[in-house]
Amino acid sequence: MMHPGFVVSGLTLAFVLSSIASGKAQVTIDASRITCDQFVHSKIAPTRTIAAWLSGFYSGKRDRQVIDAQTFEANLSKLEHFCYDEKNFKTEVMQAIEKLMSNDK
């Protein structure tokens, strides 16, 4: 039986890829390589779309099936604030998330 968190993450990724590709050849994205610059300036996909996929990914890792919209918005705000700082432009978003999550503990 497939884990619900992975299903949600997979569906979200499928949506991202289908909206990006829209009539073009198949496109794949290595989420671990997306930089803060690419994230906040929507160079890969809309910021909220990437954030939704990342939220699903991390929820799946934690075996969480609940969506807390307020927590999502708060975490997105923290990530955007971190990534908009020009000194963090080259930081990979997933590294930024790990750093921000470790600061919350």
C-alpha atoms as a PDB file:
ATOM      1  CA  MET A   1       0.000   0.000   0.000  1.00  0.00           C
ATOM      2  CA  MET A   2       1.387   3.394  -0.961  1.00  0.00           C
ATOM      3  CA  HIS A   3       1.926   6.010   1.775  1.00  0.00           C
ATOM      4  CA  PRO A   4      -0.602   8.932   1.503  1.00  0.00           C
ATOM      5  CA  GLY A   5       2.088  11.600   1.987  1.00  0.00           C
ATOM      6  CA  PHE A   6       4.043  10.264  -0.958  1.00  0.00           C
ATOM      7  CA  VAL A   7       0.893  10.173  -3.081  1.00  0.00           C
ATOM      8  CA  VAL A   8       0.183  13.847  -2.300  1.00  0.00           C
ATOM      9  CA  SER A   9       3.813  14.772  -3.026  1.00  0.00           C
ATOM     10  CA  GLY A  10       3.731  12.814  -6.261  1.00  0.00           C
ATOM     11  CA  LEU A  11       0.492  14.435  -7.405  1.00  0.00           C
ATOM     12  CA  THR A  12       1.834  17.883  -6.561  1.00  0.00           C
ATOM     13  CA  LEU A  13       5.035  17.193  -8.506  1.00  0.00           C
ATOM     14  CA  ALA A  14       2.996  15.909 -11.443  1.00  0.00           C
ATOM     15  CA  PHE A  15       1.008  19.158 -11.391  1.00  0.00           C
ATOM     16  CA  VAL A  16       4.208  21.236 -11.319  1.00  0.00           C
ATOM     17  CA  LEU A  17       5.731  19.336 -14.188  1.00  0.00           C
ATOM     18  CA  SER A  18       2.589  19.417 -16.293  1.00  0.00           C
ATOM     19  CA  SER A  19       2.176  23.163 -15.790  1.00  0.00           C
ATOM     20  CA  ILE A  20       5.821  23.783 -16.683  1.00  0.00           C
ATOM     21  CA  ALA A  21       5.932  21.496 -19.684  1.00  0.00           C
ATOM     22  CA  SER A  22       2.616  22.628 -21.212  1.00  0.00           C
ATOM     23  CA  GLY A  23       3.173  21.291 -24.687  1.00  0.00           C
ATOM     24  CA  LYS A  24       6.955  21.018 -24.503  1.00  0.00           C
ATOM     25  CA  ALA A  25       9.125  17.934 -24.193  1.00  0.00           C
ATOM     26  CA  GLN A  26       9.136  16.130 -20.859  1.00  0.00           C
ATOM     27  CA  VAL A  27      10.836  18.159 -18.134  1.00  0.00           C
ATOM     28  CA  THR A  28      12.243  16.911 -14.860  1.00  0.00           C
ATOM     29  CA  ILE A  29      13.308  18.979 -11.889  1.00  0.00           C
ATOM     30  CA  ASP A  30      15.792  17.944  -9.236  1.00  0.00           C
ATOM     31  CA  ALA A  31      14.176  19.652  -6.237  1.00  0.00           C
ATOM     32  CA  SER A  32      17.370  19.265  -4.209  1.00  0.00           C
ATOM     33  CA  ARG A  33      19.193  21.574  -6.643  1.00  0.00           C
ATOM     34  CA  ILE A  34      16.749  24.500  -6.650  1.00  0.00           C
ATOM     35  CA  THR A  35      18.540  27.574  -5.279  1.00  0.00           C
ATOM     36  CA  CYS A  36      17.026  30.365  -3.230  1.00  0.00           C
ATOM     37  CA  ASP A  37      17.468  32.705  -6.198  1.00  0.00           C
ATOM     38  CA  GLN A  38      15.548  30.341  -8.478  1.00  0.00           C
ATOM     39  CA  PHE A  39      12.878  29.854  -5.803  1.00  0.00           C
ATOM     40  CA  VAL A  40      12.091  33.476  -4.898  1.00  0.00           C
ATOM     41  CA  HIS A  41      12.336  34.721  -8.467  1.00  0.00           C
ATOM     42  CA  SER A  42      10.111  31.915  -9.832  1.00  0.00           C
ATOM     43  CA  LYS A  43      12.779  30.796 -12.304  1.00  0.00           C
ATOM     44  CA  ILE A  44      11.756  27.122 -12.056  1.00  0.00           C
ATOM     45  CA  ALA A  45       8.039  27.375 -11.256  1.00  0.00           C
ATOM     46  CA  PRO A  46       5.800  29.682  -9.232  1.00  0.00           C
ATOM     47  CA  THR A  47       7.100  30.026  -5.666  1.00  0.00           C
ATOM     48  CA  ARG A  48       3.900  28.728  -4.076  1.00  0.00           C
ATOM     49  CA  THR A  49       3.896  25.667  -6.328  1.00  0.00           C
ATOM     50  CA  ILE A  50       7.434  24.716  -5.310  1.00  0.00           C
ATOM     51  CA  ALA A  51       6.573  25.471  -1.660  1.00  0.00           C
ATOM     52  CA  ALA A  52       3.500  23.216  -1.825  1.00  0.00           C
ATOM     53  CA  TRP A  53       5.573  20.351  -3.239  1.00  0.00           C
ATOM     54  CA  LEU A  54       8.261  20.850  -0.587  1.00  0.00           C
ATOM     55  CA  SER A  55       5.610  20.937   2.147  1.00  0.00           C
ATOM     56  CA  GLY A  56       4.212  17.633   0.892  1.00  0.00           C
ATOM     57  CA  PHE A  57       7.680  16.141   0.673  1.00  0.00           C
ATOM     58  CA  TYR A  58       8.590  17.058   4.253  1.00  0.00           C
ATOM     59  CA  SER A  59       5.140  16.054   5.550  1.00  0.00           C
ATOM     60  CA  GLY A  60       5.630  12.644   3.943  1.00  0.00           C
ATOM     61  CA  LYS A  61       9.028  12.277   5.604  1.00  0.00           C
ATOM     62  CA  ARG A  62       7.370  12.965   8.956  1.00  0.00           C
ATOM     63  CA  ASP A  63       4.356  10.726   8.255  1.00  0.00           C
ATOM     64  CA  ARG A  64       1.957  13.684   8.563  1.00  0.00           C
ATOM     65  CA  GLN A  65      -1.287  13.618   6.624  1.00  0.00           C
ATOM     66  CA  VAL A  66      -2.693  16.901   7.965  1.00  0.00           C
ATOM     67  CA  ILE A  67      -2.375  20.238   6.176  1.00  0.00           C
ATOM     68  CA  ASP A  68      -2.081  23.214   8.532  1.00  0.00           C
ATOM     69  CA  ALA A  69      -2.555  26.283   6.342  1.00  0.00           C
ATOM     70  CA  GLN A  70      -1.306  28.712   9.009  1.00  0.00           C
ATOM     71  CA  THR A  71       1.882  26.730   9.566  1.00  0.00           C
ATOM     72  CA  PHE A  72       2.395  26.448   5.796  1.00  0.00           C
ATOM     73  CA  GLU A  73       2.079  30.231   5.401  1.00  0.00           C
ATOM     74  CA  ALA A  74       4.399  30.901   8.366  1.00  0.00           C
ATOM     75  CA  ASN A  75       7.023  28.483   7.034  1.00  0.00           C
ATOM     76  CA  LEU A  76       6.747  29.916   3.517  1.00  0.00           C
ATOM     77  CA  SER A  77       7.230  33.411   4.910  1.00  0.00           C
ATOM     78  CA  LYS A  78      10.374  32.327   6.811  1.00  0.00           C
ATOM     79  CA  LEU A  79      11.771  30.599   3.733  1.00  0.00           C
ATOM     80  CA  GLU A  80      11.068  33.572   1.458  1.00  0.00           C
ATOM     81  CA  HIS A  81      12.628  35.964   3.971  1.00  0.00           C
ATOM     82  CA  PHE A  82      15.758  33.787   4.149  1.00  0.00           C
ATOM     83  CA  CYS A  83      15.971  33.313   0.393  1.00  0.00           C
ATOM     84  CA  TYR A  84      15.372  36.975  -0.520  1.00  0.00           C
ATOM     85  CA  ASP A  85      18.601  37.856   1.278  1.00  0.00           C
ATOM     86  CA  GLU A  86      21.075  38.153  -1.593  1.00  0.00           C
ATOM     87  CA  LYS A  87      23.819  36.419   0.401  1.00  0.00           C
ATOM     88  CA  ASN A  88      21.619  33.277   0.383  1.00  0.00           C
ATOM     89  CA  PHE A  89      20.833  33.255  -3.364  1.00  0.00           C
ATOM     90  CA  LYS A  90      23.167  30.307  -4.035  1.00  0.00           C
ATOM     91  CA  THR A  91      21.891  28.258  -1.080  1.00  0.00           C
ATOM     92  CA  GLU A  92      19.820  25.278  -2.143  1.00  0.00           C
ATOM     93  CA  VAL A  93      16.240  25.627  -0.907  1.00  0.00           C
ATOM     94  CA  MET A  94      16.223  22.219   0.762  1.00  0.00           C
ATOM     95  CA  GLN A  95      19.368  23.202   2.700  1.00  0.00           C
ATOM     96  CA  ALA A  96      17.654  26.463   3.687  1.00  0.00           C
ATOM     97  CA  ILE A  97      14.645  24.503   4.955  1.00  0.00           C
ATOM     98  CA  GLU A  98      16.849  22.171   6.987  1.00  0.00           C
ATOM     99  CA  LYS A  99      18.609  25.192   8.490  1.00  0.00           C
ATOM    100  CA  LEU A 100      15.350  26.963   9.307  1.00  0.00           C
ATOM    101  CA  MET A 101      13.846  23.787  10.789  1.00  0.00           C
ATOM    102  CA  SER A 102      16.890  23.248  13.004  1.00  0.00           C
ATOM    103  CA  ASN A 103      16.536  26.829  14.272  1.00  0.00           C
ATOM    104  CA  ASP A 104      12.913  26.106  15.283  1.00  0.00           C
ATOM    105  CA  LYS A 105      13.904  23.268  17.627  1.00  0.00           C
END
